[in-house]
Amino acid sequence: MNNPLTPKHSIMGDFLKKFSLPDRPEGGVPDIPLYLDELPDNQLMEFYTLFMAWVSFAKADMVLAEIDEERAANNLKVIEAETLIGQWNDKEKGDTVTLAKARRDTKIEVVEAQQLYSEKRAYRKLVESVFERCERGAQVISRELSRRISLAPQERRQARYTA
């Protein structure tokens, strides 16, 4: 059977002609150092750059996971509808809608589609949590960078008068 959800052309191919997906940064997702204020400026910028690389990578993976989740949800709906319609012609004409749906939901095709959808949804939620963690880390480091930038003019003025 032809899957009506299969695109006639590759959307990902079209995307990749114009853009590229970010590469996975080296190592694992970094942790925020406990004493950010003690890090030298260059190390703080390295941490910020690393967190932003992870934000970009996690966001791209989250979008891909959302696309997969939506495809699985749509596929599940189609399989549920086809199964329900297919059994409507069965001998049990006296089925209530509730009983017909319950019967449909026990069919192996529906169970497998539901399981695939659940897996795609779970993966998307996991990636979303990584994205949010990286985004929060980048925000914390950005605030420390902003704090240092705002202190710099005051420190320069003080140095002129105390030297």
N, C-alpha and C. Protein backbone atom coordinates (compact mmCIF):
# COMPACT_ATOMS: atom_id res chain seq x y z
N MET A 1 0.83 -1.17 0.00
CA MET A 1 0.00 0.00 0.00
C MET A 1 0.89 1.24 0.00
N ASN A 2 0.52 2.23 -0.78
CA ASN A 2 1.26 3.49 -0.80
C ASN A 2 0.93 4.29 0.44
N ASN A 3 1.94 4.82 1.06
CA ASN A 3 1.73 5.65 2.24
C ASN A 3 1.43 7.07 1.79
N PRO A 4 0.23 7.59 2.09
CA PRO A 4 -0.10 8.93 1.64
C PRO A 4 0.70 10.01 2.35
N LEU A 5 1.42 9.62 3.40
CA LEU A 5 2.18 10.60 4.16
C LEU A 5 3.60 10.77 3.65
N THR A 6 4.00 9.94 2.69
CA THR A 6 5.34 10.04 2.15
C THR A 6 5.39 11.22 1.18
N PRO A 7 6.32 12.17 1.41
CA PRO A 7 6.37 13.32 0.51
C PRO A 7 6.82 12.91 -0.89
N LYS A 8 6.35 13.65 -1.88
CA LYS A 8 6.71 13.35 -3.26
C LYS A 8 8.17 13.72 -3.53
N HIS A 9 8.70 14.60 -2.76
CA HIS A 9 10.12 14.95 -2.87
C HIS A 9 10.70 15.07 -1.46
N SER A 10 11.98 15.09 -1.40
CA SER A 10 12.65 15.11 -0.11
C SER A 10 12.72 16.53 0.45
N ILE A 11 11.97 16.75 1.50
CA ILE A 11 12.01 18.05 2.16
C ILE A 11 13.39 18.27 2.76
N MET A 12 13.96 17.23 3.33
CA MET A 12 15.30 17.34 3.92
C MET A 12 16.32 17.67 2.83
N GLY A 13 16.16 17.06 1.67
CA GLY A 13 17.06 17.37 0.55
C GLY A 13 16.98 18.83 0.15
N ASP A 14 15.75 19.36 0.08
CA ASP A 14 15.57 20.78 -0.24
C ASP A 14 16.24 21.66 0.81
N PHE A 15 16.05 21.29 2.06
CA PHE A 15 16.65 22.06 3.16
C PHE A 15 18.17 22.06 3.05
N LEU A 16 18.73 20.86 2.84
CA LEU A 16 20.19 20.74 2.84
C LEU A 16 20.84 21.39 1.62
N LYS A 17 20.06 21.70 0.58
CA LYS A 17 20.60 22.45 -0.55
C LYS A 17 20.90 23.89 -0.15
N LYS A 18 20.16 24.39 0.83
CA LYS A 18 20.29 25.79 1.23
C LYS A 18 21.01 25.97 2.57
N PHE A 19 20.88 25.00 3.45
CA PHE A 19 21.41 25.12 4.80
C PHE A 19 22.14 23.84 5.19
N SER A 20 22.84 23.91 6.30
CA SER A 20 23.45 22.70 6.84
C SER A 20 23.02 22.56 8.30
N LEU A 21 22.98 21.34 8.75
CA LEU A 21 22.68 21.09 10.16
C LEU A 21 23.97 21.20 10.95
N PRO A 22 23.88 21.71 12.17
CA PRO A 22 25.11 21.84 12.97
C PRO A 22 25.67 20.47 13.35
N ASP A 23 26.98 20.39 13.39
CA ASP A 23 27.66 19.17 13.83
C ASP A 23 27.53 19.04 15.34
N ARG A 24 27.63 17.81 15.81
CA ARG A 24 27.61 17.57 17.24
C ARG A 24 28.93 18.07 17.82
N PRO A 25 28.85 18.93 18.85
CA PRO A 25 30.10 19.42 19.47
C PRO A 25 30.88 18.26 20.10
N GLU A 26 32.17 18.49 20.27
CA GLU A 26 33.05 17.49 20.90
C GLU A 26 32.61 17.24 22.34
N GLY A 27 32.80 16.03 22.79
CA GLY A 27 32.52 15.69 24.19
C GLY A 27 31.04 15.70 24.48
N GLY A 28 30.74 15.79 25.76
CA GLY A 28 29.34 15.80 26.19
C GLY A 28 28.86 17.22 26.47
N VAL A 29 27.61 17.31 26.84
CA VAL A 29 27.04 18.61 27.21
C VAL A 29 27.80 19.11 28.44
N PRO A 30 28.34 20.32 28.37
CA PRO A 30 29.15 20.81 29.49
C PRO A 30 28.29 21.18 30.71
N ASP A 31 28.93 21.18 31.84
CA ASP A 31 28.31 21.67 33.07
C ASP A 31 28.81 23.08 33.31
N ILE A 32 27.98 23.88 33.95
CA ILE A 32 28.39 25.24 34.28
C ILE A 32 29.36 25.16 35.46
N PRO A 33 30.52 25.80 35.34
CA PRO A 33 31.45 25.81 36.47
C PRO A 33 30.82 26.49 37.68
N LEU A 34 31.11 25.99 38.86
CA LEU A 34 30.52 26.55 40.07
C LEU A 34 30.94 28.00 40.31
N TYR A 35 32.16 28.33 39.95
CA TYR A 35 32.67 29.67 40.23
C TYR A 35 32.95 30.40 38.93
N LEU A 36 31.89 30.78 38.25
CA LEU A 36 32.02 31.49 36.97
C LEU A 36 32.81 32.78 37.12
N ASP A 37 32.58 33.47 38.22
CA ASP A 37 33.22 34.77 38.41
C ASP A 37 34.74 34.66 38.55
N GLU A 38 35.26 33.46 38.80
CA GLU A 38 36.69 33.28 38.95
C GLU A 38 37.37 32.87 37.63
N LEU A 39 36.58 32.53 36.62
CA LEU A 39 37.17 32.15 35.34
C LEU A 39 37.72 33.36 34.60
N PRO A 40 38.87 33.21 33.98
CA PRO A 40 39.38 34.31 33.14
C PRO A 40 38.41 34.54 31.95
N ASP A 41 38.45 35.74 31.41
CA ASP A 41 37.54 36.10 30.32
C ASP A 41 37.61 35.14 29.14
N ASN A 42 38.81 34.74 28.76
CA ASN A 42 38.93 33.86 27.60
C ASN A 42 38.30 32.49 27.86
N GLN A 43 38.43 31.95 29.06
CA GLN A 43 37.79 30.67 29.38
C GLN A 43 36.28 30.81 29.44
N LEU A 44 35.81 31.93 29.94
CA LEU A 44 34.38 32.17 30.00
C LEU A 44 33.80 32.23 28.59
N MET A 45 34.50 32.90 27.69
CA MET A 45 34.04 32.96 26.29
C MET A 45 34.06 31.58 25.64
N GLU A 46 35.06 30.77 25.97
CA GLU A 46 35.11 29.40 25.44
C GLU A 46 33.90 28.59 25.91
N PHE A 47 33.56 28.74 27.20
CA PHE A 47 32.38 28.06 27.73
C PHE A 47 31.12 28.55 27.02
N TYR A 48 31.02 29.85 26.82
CA TYR A 48 29.84 30.40 26.15
C TYR A 48 29.74 29.86 24.72
N THR A 49 30.84 29.83 24.02
CA THR A 49 30.86 29.31 22.65
C THR A 49 30.46 27.84 22.63
N LEU A 50 30.97 27.07 23.57
CA LEU A 50 30.62 25.66 23.65
C LEU A 50 29.14 25.47 23.94
N PHE A 51 28.61 26.22 24.89
CA PHE A 51 27.18 26.11 25.19
C PHE A 51 26.34 26.50 23.99
N MET A 52 26.73 27.54 23.26
CA MET A 52 25.96 27.97 22.10
C MET A 52 26.02 26.90 20.99
N ALA A 53 27.15 26.21 20.86
CA ALA A 53 27.24 25.12 19.89
C ALA A 53 26.27 24.01 20.26
N TRP A 54 26.19 23.71 21.56
CA TRP A 54 25.25 22.68 22.01
C TRP A 54 23.80 23.14 21.84
N VAL A 55 23.53 24.42 22.07
CA VAL A 55 22.17 24.95 21.87
C VAL A 55 21.77 24.75 20.40
N SER A 56 22.66 25.12 19.49
CA SER A 56 22.37 24.98 18.06
C SER A 56 22.14 23.53 17.67
N PHE A 57 23.02 22.66 18.14
CA PHE A 57 22.91 21.24 17.80
C PHE A 57 21.62 20.64 18.38
N ALA A 58 21.35 20.93 19.66
CA ALA A 58 20.16 20.36 20.32
C ALA A 58 18.88 20.90 19.68
N LYS A 59 18.87 22.18 19.31
CA LYS A 59 17.67 22.75 18.68
C LYS A 59 17.41 22.07 17.34
N ALA A 60 18.44 21.87 16.54
CA ALA A 60 18.27 21.20 15.25
C ALA A 60 17.76 19.78 15.44
N ASP A 61 18.32 19.07 16.42
CA ASP A 61 17.89 17.70 16.67
C ASP A 61 16.46 17.69 17.21
N MET A 62 16.10 18.70 18.00
CA MET A 62 14.74 18.78 18.53
C MET A 62 13.74 19.00 17.39
N VAL A 63 14.08 19.85 16.44
CA VAL A 63 13.19 20.08 15.30
C VAL A 63 13.03 18.80 14.48
N LEU A 64 14.12 18.09 14.25
CA LEU A 64 14.02 16.81 13.53
C LEU A 64 13.16 15.82 14.30
N ALA A 65 13.30 15.80 15.62
CA ALA A 65 12.50 14.90 16.45
C ALA A 65 11.02 15.30 16.41
N GLU A 66 10.74 16.60 16.38
CA GLU A 66 9.35 17.06 16.26
C GLU A 66 8.74 16.61 14.94
N ILE A 67 9.53 16.70 13.86
CA ILE A 67 9.05 16.25 12.55
C ILE A 67 8.75 14.76 12.57
N ASP A 68 9.66 13.97 13.14
CA ASP A 68 9.44 12.52 13.25
C ASP A 68 8.21 12.21 14.10
N GLU A 69 8.06 12.95 15.20
CA GLU A 69 6.91 12.73 16.08
C GLU A 69 5.60 13.03 15.35
N GLU A 70 5.57 14.13 14.61
CA GLU A 70 4.36 14.49 13.89
C GLU A 70 4.03 13.47 12.80
N ARG A 71 5.05 12.99 12.12
CA ARG A 71 4.83 11.94 11.10
C ARG A 71 4.26 10.69 11.74
N ALA A 72 4.81 10.31 12.88
CA ALA A 72 4.32 9.11 13.56
C ALA A 72 2.88 9.31 14.03
N ALA A 73 2.55 10.50 14.51
CA ALA A 73 1.18 10.79 14.96
C ALA A 73 0.21 10.71 13.78
N ASN A 74 0.61 11.30 12.66
CA ASN A 74 -0.25 11.24 11.47
C ASN A 74 -0.41 9.82 10.96
N ASN A 75 0.67 9.08 10.95
CA ASN A 75 0.62 7.68 10.51
C ASN A 75 -0.30 6.87 11.42
N LEU A 76 -0.22 7.12 12.72
CA LEU A 76 -1.09 6.44 13.67
C LEU A 76 -2.56 6.73 13.37
N LYS A 77 -2.88 7.99 13.11
CA LYS A 77 -4.26 8.36 12.79
C LYS A 77 -4.76 7.64 11.54
N VAL A 78 -3.92 7.57 10.51
CA VAL A 78 -4.31 6.90 9.28
C VAL A 78 -4.55 5.41 9.54
N ILE A 79 -3.64 4.78 10.24
CA ILE A 79 -3.78 3.34 10.53
C ILE A 79 -5.03 3.09 11.38
N GLU A 80 -5.27 3.95 12.38
CA GLU A 80 -6.48 3.80 13.20
C GLU A 80 -7.74 3.92 12.34
N ALA A 81 -7.76 4.92 11.47
CA ALA A 81 -8.94 5.13 10.62
C ALA A 81 -9.14 3.97 9.65
N GLU A 82 -8.07 3.52 9.01
CA GLU A 82 -8.16 2.40 8.07
C GLU A 82 -8.65 1.14 8.78
N THR A 83 -8.15 0.91 9.98
CA THR A 83 -8.54 -0.28 10.75
C THR A 83 -10.01 -0.19 11.15
N LEU A 84 -10.43 0.97 11.60
CA LEU A 84 -11.82 1.15 12.00
C LEU A 84 -12.76 0.98 10.81
N ILE A 85 -12.41 1.56 9.69
CA ILE A 85 -13.23 1.43 8.48
C ILE A 85 -13.25 -0.02 8.01
N GLY A 86 -12.11 -0.67 8.06
CA GLY A 86 -12.02 -2.07 7.61
C GLY A 86 -12.87 -3.01 8.43
N GLN A 87 -12.99 -2.77 9.71
CA GLN A 87 -13.78 -3.68 10.54
C GLN A 87 -15.26 -3.30 10.57
N TRP A 88 -15.61 -2.16 10.03
CA TRP A 88 -17.02 -1.74 9.99
C TRP A 88 -17.83 -2.68 9.11
N ASN A 89 -17.17 -3.34 8.19
CA ASN A 89 -17.85 -4.29 7.31
C ASN A 89 -17.92 -5.69 7.91
N ASP A 90 -17.37 -5.84 9.12
CA ASP A 90 -17.38 -7.15 9.77
C ASP A 90 -18.80 -7.57 10.15
N LYS A 91 -18.90 -8.81 10.58
CA LYS A 91 -20.19 -9.39 10.94
C LYS A 91 -20.84 -8.67 12.13
N GLU A 92 -20.02 -8.16 13.01
CA GLU A 92 -20.56 -7.54 14.23
C GLU A 92 -21.15 -6.16 13.93
N LYS A 93 -22.26 -6.13 13.29
CA LYS A 93 -22.91 -4.86 12.94
C LYS A 93 -23.44 -4.16 14.19
N GLY A 94 -23.63 -4.88 15.25
CA GLY A 94 -24.21 -4.29 16.45
C GLY A 94 -23.19 -3.59 17.33
N ASP A 95 -21.93 -3.53 16.87
CA ASP A 95 -20.89 -2.87 17.66
C ASP A 95 -21.24 -1.41 17.93
N THR A 96 -20.98 -1.00 19.13
CA THR A 96 -21.06 0.42 19.43
C THR A 96 -19.74 1.05 18.96
N VAL A 97 -19.71 2.34 18.85
CA VAL A 97 -18.48 3.02 18.43
C VAL A 97 -17.37 2.74 19.44
N THR A 98 -17.71 2.74 20.71
CA THR A 98 -16.71 2.49 21.76
C THR A 98 -16.11 1.10 21.60
N LEU A 99 -16.96 0.10 21.36
CA LEU A 99 -16.47 -1.26 21.19
C LEU A 99 -15.65 -1.38 19.91
N ALA A 100 -16.09 -0.73 18.85
CA ALA A 100 -15.34 -0.78 17.59
C ALA A 100 -13.96 -0.15 17.76
N LYS A 101 -13.88 0.96 18.49
CA LYS A 101 -12.58 1.61 18.72
C LYS A 101 -11.68 0.74 19.61
N ALA A 102 -12.29 0.10 20.59
CA ALA A 102 -11.51 -0.79 21.46
C ALA A 102 -10.97 -1.96 20.65
N ARG A 103 -11.80 -2.52 19.78
CA ARG A 103 -11.35 -3.61 18.92
C ARG A 103 -10.22 -3.14 18.01
N ARG A 104 -10.39 -1.93 17.45
CA ARG A 104 -9.36 -1.35 16.58
C ARG A 104 -8.04 -1.20 17.33
N ASP A 105 -8.12 -0.71 18.57
CA ASP A 105 -6.92 -0.42 19.33
C ASP A 105 -6.14 -1.65 19.75
N THR A 106 -6.72 -2.84 19.58
CA THR A 106 -6.00 -4.07 19.90
C THR A 106 -5.35 -4.70 18.67
N LYS A 107 -5.60 -4.15 17.50
CA LYS A 107 -4.97 -4.68 16.27
C LYS A 107 -3.48 -4.40 16.31
N ILE A 108 -2.71 -5.35 15.85
CA ILE A 108 -1.25 -5.26 15.93
C ILE A 108 -0.71 -4.04 15.20
N GLU A 109 -1.29 -3.69 14.06
CA GLU A 109 -0.81 -2.53 13.30
C GLU A 109 -0.99 -1.25 14.12
N VAL A 110 -2.12 -1.15 14.82
CA VAL A 110 -2.40 0.04 15.62
C VAL A 110 -1.48 0.07 16.84
N VAL A 111 -1.29 -1.06 17.48
CA VAL A 111 -0.42 -1.14 18.65
C VAL A 111 1.01 -0.74 18.26
N GLU A 112 1.49 -1.25 17.13
CA GLU A 112 2.85 -0.92 16.68
C GLU A 112 2.98 0.56 16.34
N ALA A 113 1.96 1.12 15.67
CA ALA A 113 2.00 2.54 15.32
C ALA A 113 1.96 3.40 16.58
N GLN A 114 1.16 2.98 17.56
CA GLN A 114 1.09 3.71 18.83
C GLN A 114 2.43 3.66 19.56
N GLN A 115 3.05 2.50 19.55
CA GLN A 115 4.36 2.36 20.21
C GLN A 115 5.41 3.23 19.51
N LEU A 116 5.41 3.25 18.19
CA LEU A 116 6.36 4.08 17.45
C LEU A 116 6.14 5.56 17.77
N TYR A 117 4.88 5.97 17.79
CA TYR A 117 4.56 7.36 18.13
C TYR A 117 5.05 7.68 19.54
N SER A 118 4.82 6.80 20.49
CA SER A 118 5.27 7.02 21.87
C SER A 118 6.78 7.15 21.96
N GLU A 119 7.49 6.32 21.19
CA GLU A 119 8.96 6.39 21.18
C GLU A 119 9.44 7.71 20.60
N LYS A 120 8.83 8.14 19.50
CA LYS A 120 9.21 9.41 18.87
C LYS A 120 8.93 10.58 19.80
N ARG A 121 7.80 10.52 20.49
CA ARG A 121 7.43 11.59 21.44
C ARG A 121 8.42 11.62 22.61
N ALA A 122 8.76 10.46 23.13
CA ALA A 122 9.70 10.39 24.25
C ALA A 122 11.07 10.93 23.83
N TYR A 123 11.53 10.56 22.64
CA TYR A 123 12.83 11.06 22.17
C TYR A 123 12.80 12.58 22.04
N ARG A 124 11.71 13.11 21.48
CA ARG A 124 11.59 14.56 21.33
C ARG A 124 11.64 15.25 22.69
N LYS A 125 10.98 14.69 23.68
CA LYS A 125 10.96 15.28 25.01
C LYS A 125 12.37 15.24 25.63
N LEU A 126 13.10 14.17 25.42
CA LEU A 126 14.46 14.07 25.94
C LEU A 126 15.37 15.11 25.29
N VAL A 127 15.27 15.24 23.97
CA VAL A 127 16.10 16.23 23.27
C VAL A 127 15.72 17.63 23.72
N GLU A 128 14.44 17.86 23.91
CA GLU A 128 13.97 19.17 24.38
C GLU A 128 14.58 19.51 25.74
N SER A 129 14.71 18.52 26.61
CA SER A 129 15.30 18.78 27.93
C SER A 129 16.78 19.14 27.80
N VAL A 130 17.49 18.50 26.87
CA VAL A 130 18.90 18.84 26.65
C VAL A 130 19.00 20.27 26.09
N PHE A 131 18.14 20.58 25.12
CA PHE A 131 18.13 21.93 24.55
C PHE A 131 17.90 22.97 25.63
N GLU A 132 16.90 22.76 26.47
CA GLU A 132 16.58 23.73 27.52
C GLU A 132 17.73 23.87 28.53
N ARG A 133 18.38 22.76 28.85
CA ARG A 133 19.52 22.81 29.78
C ARG A 133 20.66 23.62 29.18
N CYS A 134 20.94 23.39 27.90
CA CYS A 134 22.01 24.14 27.24
C CYS A 134 21.66 25.61 27.11
N GLU A 135 20.40 25.89 26.81
CA GLU A 135 19.96 27.27 26.68
C GLU A 135 20.09 28.01 28.02
N ARG A 136 19.69 27.36 29.10
CA ARG A 136 19.82 27.98 30.43
C ARG A 136 21.29 28.21 30.77
N GLY A 137 22.14 27.24 30.45
CA GLY A 137 23.57 27.41 30.70
C GLY A 137 24.15 28.58 29.94
N ALA A 138 23.77 28.70 28.67
CA ALA A 138 24.25 29.83 27.85
C ALA A 138 23.75 31.15 28.42
N GLN A 139 22.54 31.18 28.93
CA GLN A 139 21.99 32.41 29.52
C GLN A 139 22.76 32.81 30.78
N VAL A 140 23.09 31.83 31.61
CA VAL A 140 23.85 32.13 32.83
C VAL A 140 25.22 32.70 32.47
N ILE A 141 25.88 32.08 31.51
CA ILE A 141 27.21 32.56 31.12
C ILE A 141 27.10 33.94 30.46
N SER A 142 26.06 34.15 29.68
CA SER A 142 25.85 35.45 29.05
C SER A 142 25.66 36.55 30.09
N ARG A 143 24.93 36.24 31.14
CA ARG A 143 24.74 37.22 32.22
C ARG A 143 26.07 37.56 32.89
N GLU A 144 26.93 36.55 33.09
CA GLU A 144 28.24 36.81 33.70
C GLU A 144 29.09 37.66 32.76
N LEU A 145 29.02 37.39 31.46
CA LEU A 145 29.76 38.22 30.50
C LEU A 145 29.25 39.66 30.53
N SER A 146 27.94 39.83 30.57
CA SER A 146 27.35 41.18 30.63
C SER A 146 27.77 41.90 31.91
N ARG A 147 27.81 41.16 33.01
CA ARG A 147 28.22 41.75 34.29
C ARG A 147 29.65 42.25 34.19
N ARG A 148 30.51 41.46 33.57
CA ARG A 148 31.92 41.86 33.45
C ARG A 148 32.06 43.07 32.52
N ILE A 149 31.29 43.09 31.47
CA ILE A 149 31.36 44.22 30.54
C ILE A 149 30.92 45.50 31.24
N SER A 150 29.89 45.41 32.05
CA SER A 150 29.41 46.62 32.74
C SER A 150 30.39 47.07 33.82
N LEU A 151 31.19 46.15 34.36
CA LEU A 151 32.18 46.52 35.37
C LEU A 151 33.43 47.13 34.77
N ALA A 152 33.74 46.77 33.57
CA ALA A 152 35.00 47.18 32.95
C ALA A 152 35.20 48.70 32.94
N PRO A 153 34.23 49.53 32.52
CA PRO A 153 34.46 50.98 32.52
C PRO A 153 34.73 51.52 33.93
N GLN A 154 34.04 51.01 34.92
CA GLN A 154 34.25 51.48 36.29
C GLN A 154 35.66 51.12 36.76
N GLU A 155 36.08 49.91 36.45
CA GLU A 155 37.41 49.48 36.87
C GLU A 155 38.49 50.32 36.19
N ARG A 156 38.28 50.68 34.91
CA ARG A 156 39.26 51.51 34.21
C ARG A 156 39.34 52.91 34.84
N ARG A 157 38.17 53.48 35.19
CA ARG A 157 38.15 54.80 35.84
C ARG A 157 38.89 54.74 37.17
N GLN A 158 38.60 53.69 37.95
CA GLN A 158 39.25 53.55 39.25
C GLN A 158 40.75 53.40 39.11
N ALA A 159 41.18 52.67 38.09
CA ALA A 159 42.62 52.47 37.88
C ALA A 159 43.31 53.80 37.57
N ARG A 160 42.64 54.71 36.81
CA ARG A 160 43.24 55.99 36.49
C ARG A 160 43.47 56.85 37.72
N TYR A 161 42.53 56.77 38.65
CA TYR A 161 42.62 57.64 39.83
C TYR A 161 43.47 57.04 40.94
N THR A 162 43.68 55.73 40.92
CA THR A 162 44.47 55.11 41.99
C THR A 162 45.90 54.86 41.57
N ALA A 163 46.24 55.08 40.33
CA ALA A 163 47.60 54.81 39.86
C ALA A 163 48.54 55.94 40.14
